[in-house]
Protein backbone atom coordinates (compact mmCIF):
# COMPACT_ATOMS: atom_id res chain seq x y z
CA MET A 1 -13.18 62.15 -8.58
CA VAL A 2 -15.25 61.16 -5.65
CA ASN A 3 -17.07 64.01 -3.79
CA GLY A 4 -14.59 66.52 -5.23
CA THR A 5 -11.57 64.49 -4.12
CA ALA A 6 -9.22 62.81 -6.57
CA ALA A 7 -9.41 59.04 -6.24
CA ASN A 8 -6.19 57.09 -5.75
CA CYS A 9 -6.83 53.70 -7.32
CA SER A 10 -4.43 50.81 -7.57
CA CYS A 11 -4.67 47.17 -8.50
CA ARG A 12 -4.67 44.50 -5.80
CA ALA A 13 -1.57 42.35 -5.20
CA GLY A 14 -1.00 39.93 -8.05
CA PHE A 15 -2.52 42.32 -10.62
CA GLU A 16 -1.07 45.21 -12.61
CA GLY A 17 -2.58 48.17 -14.42
CA ASP A 18 -3.81 51.73 -13.82
CA GLY A 19 -6.26 50.66 -11.15
CA VAL A 20 -9.09 52.57 -12.78
CA GLU A 21 -9.76 51.10 -16.18
CA ARG A 22 -7.54 48.06 -16.20
CA CYS A 23 -6.12 45.50 -13.75
CA SER A 24 -4.60 42.37 -15.35
CA ASP A 25 -3.31 39.25 -13.67
CA VAL A 26 0.47 39.10 -13.27
CA ASP A 27 1.97 35.81 -14.46
CA GLU A 28 4.11 35.05 -11.42
CA CYS A 29 5.21 31.77 -13.04
CA ALA A 30 7.11 33.72 -15.72
CA GLY A 31 9.76 34.44 -13.09
CA SER A 32 10.21 30.72 -12.25
CA PRO A 33 9.49 31.06 -8.52
CA CYS A 34 9.26 27.30 -7.89
CA GLY A 35 12.09 24.92 -7.17
CA ALA A 36 13.75 22.40 -9.46
CA HIS A 37 11.46 19.51 -10.48
CA ALA A 38 8.38 21.57 -9.64
CA VAL A 39 5.44 22.84 -11.70
CA CYS A 40 4.16 26.40 -11.33
CA THR A 41 0.45 27.10 -11.84
CA ASN A 42 -0.56 30.72 -12.34
CA LEU A 43 -3.79 31.70 -10.57
CA PRO A 44 -5.72 34.99 -10.62
CA GLY A 45 -3.68 37.17 -8.26
CA GLY A 46 -1.22 34.43 -7.27
CA PHE A 47 0.37 31.08 -8.05
CA THR A 48 1.04 27.63 -6.62
CA CYS A 49 4.07 25.36 -6.80
CA ALA A 50 3.78 21.57 -6.72
CA CYS A 51 6.39 18.89 -7.19
CA ALA A 52 6.36 17.17 -10.58
CA PRO A 53 5.27 13.51 -10.83
CA GLY A 54 7.94 11.25 -9.36
CA PHE A 55 9.05 13.88 -6.84
CA ARG A 56 7.82 14.91 -3.41
CA GLY A 57 8.14 18.04 -1.36
CA ASN A 58 6.58 21.47 -0.95
CA GLY A 59 7.06 22.76 -4.51
CA TYR A 60 10.19 24.69 -3.58
CA ASN A 61 12.28 21.72 -2.46
CA CYS A 62 11.45 18.56 -4.41
CA THR A 63 13.29 15.24 -4.09
CA GLU A 64 12.97 12.20 -6.30
CA ILE A 65 10.81 9.36 -5.00
CA ASP A 66 12.81 6.12 -4.74
CA THR A 67 10.18 3.90 -6.37
CA CYS A 68 12.37 0.79 -6.18
CA GLY A 69 13.30 1.28 -2.53
CA GLU A 70 9.93 2.42 -1.20
CA MET A 71 7.38 0.54 -3.29
CA ARG A 72 9.44 -2.54 -4.21
CA PRO A 73 7.44 -3.13 -7.41
CA CYS A 74 9.65 -5.88 -8.84
CA HIS A 75 9.58 -9.63 -8.27
CA ARG A 76 11.97 -11.03 -5.66
CA PHE A 77 14.02 -12.63 -8.47
CA ALA A 78 14.37 -9.33 -10.35
CA ASP A 79 16.49 -6.17 -10.15
CA CYS A 80 14.79 -2.77 -9.95
CA ARG A 81 16.19 0.44 -11.48
CA ASN A 82 14.66 3.89 -10.93
CA VAL A 83 14.02 5.72 -14.20
CA VAL A 84 13.42 9.48 -13.87
CA PRO A 85 10.79 10.74 -13.62
CA SER A 86 8.52 8.58 -11.49
CA SER A 87 9.11 5.28 -13.16
CA TYR A 88 11.09 2.09 -12.71
CA GLN A 89 12.38 -0.82 -14.74
CA CYS A 90 12.38 -4.42 -13.56
CA THR A 91 14.67 -7.06 -15.07
CA CYS A 92 14.47 -10.75 -14.11
CA HIS A 93 17.69 -12.33 -12.85
CA HIS A 94 19.67 -14.60 -15.14
CA GLY A 95 17.84 -17.89 -15.46
CA TYR A 96 14.39 -16.36 -14.98
CA ALA A 97 11.94 -15.02 -17.53
CA GLY A 98 9.09 -12.54 -17.26
CA SER A 99 8.21 -8.88 -17.07
CA GLY A 100 10.34 -8.29 -13.99
CA GLU A 101 7.22 -7.67 -11.94
CA SER A 102 6.71 -11.41 -12.24
CA CYS A 103 9.56 -13.84 -12.93
CA ALA A 104 9.25 -17.58 -13.33
CA GLY A 105 11.26 -20.63 -14.16
CA CYS A 106 14.81 -21.59 -13.74
CA CYS A 107 16.94 -22.83 -16.57
CA ALA A 108 18.43 -26.30 -16.27
CA SER A 109 21.89 -24.82 -16.91
CA THR A 110 21.70 -22.73 -13.74
CA SER A 111 20.68 -25.43 -11.28
CA SER A 112 21.72 -28.94 -10.46
CA ILE A 113 21.21 -31.71 -7.95
CA THR A 114 24.36 -33.37 -6.73
CA LEU A 115 25.16 -36.32 -4.50
CA GLU A 116 27.04 -34.62 -1.69
CA ARG A 117 27.66 -37.45 0.72
CA VAL A 118 27.57 -41.22 0.85
CA LEU A 119 27.97 -42.75 4.28
CA VAL A 120 28.18 -46.42 5.13
CA THR A 121 27.88 -47.08 8.83
CA GLY A 122 27.35 -50.54 10.28
CA GLY A 123 26.08 -51.81 6.96
CA ARG A 124 23.57 -48.92 6.54
CA LEU A 125 23.75 -46.68 3.47
CA ALA A 126 23.01 -42.92 3.75
CA LEU A 127 22.87 -40.51 0.78
CA GLN A 128 22.63 -36.73 0.90
CA LEU A 129 21.36 -34.87 -2.22
CA VAL A 130 21.81 -31.07 -2.47
CA TRP A 131 20.15 -28.65 -4.89
CA HIS A 132 22.53 -25.95 -6.15
CA MET A 133 21.19 -22.86 -7.92
CA ALA A 134 23.76 -20.72 -9.75
CA ALA A 135 21.43 -17.80 -10.54
CA PRO A 136 20.49 -15.40 -7.73
CA PRO A 137 19.56 -15.96 -4.96
CA HIS A 138 22.23 -18.71 -5.07
CA ILE A 139 20.33 -21.35 -3.13
CA ASN A 140 22.16 -24.38 -1.76
CA ASP A 141 19.57 -26.49 -0.02
CA THR A 142 19.50 -30.09 1.09
CA ILE A 143 16.45 -31.56 -0.61
CA ALA A 144 16.64 -35.15 0.53
CA VAL A 145 18.58 -37.38 2.87
CA PHE A 146 18.06 -41.10 2.41
CA LYS A 147 19.03 -43.28 5.34
CA GLU A 148 17.33 -46.47 4.35
CA GLY A 149 19.06 -49.43 2.84
CA TYR A 150 21.80 -51.84 3.72
CA TYR A 151 25.23 -52.22 2.28
CA GLN A 152 26.55 -55.69 1.86
CA HIS A 153 29.97 -56.90 0.66
C-alpha cells in the first residue's frame, strides 16, 4: 500500500512474475521466433535473431550465401561446390593436382603437340604446330609456325 492506496504492480514487457517480489526474464527464444537458419539470443527483457554462419538476411528470412559464385575461392582450373553451412570444396580438374585453391601441372596424357599443316610453296617449307589440351579448359592454341627453309627435289 502506498499512502493508503493499494499498489498495482506488474512486470515490464519481457519479464514475468507478481510485479512486487519477483520479475523474471521470459525466454522468448523458447518459442522459436526466428526464421529457419537463424540463431536466437535471449536478452534481459527481449531477444535478437541473427542468421547463422553461411547465411545472410535479417534473422527472420535467411538465405544461403553462394560462396562459390560470390567469392570464387577456387583456382581457375578447379570446380567449386558449396557445402552447407558456409563452406565450399574445390577439386582440381582432371590432369591437375593441388588443393583446388591452387592447381598446377598438366599430365602428359592430357596434352599433345601435333603437326597440323605442312605447306610447300615455291620451294619454301612452312610447318604449323598446335598444342592440344584434353583437360579443361580444352585449349587448342597454335604455338609455333615455322616458315623458314627450302624444299628441294
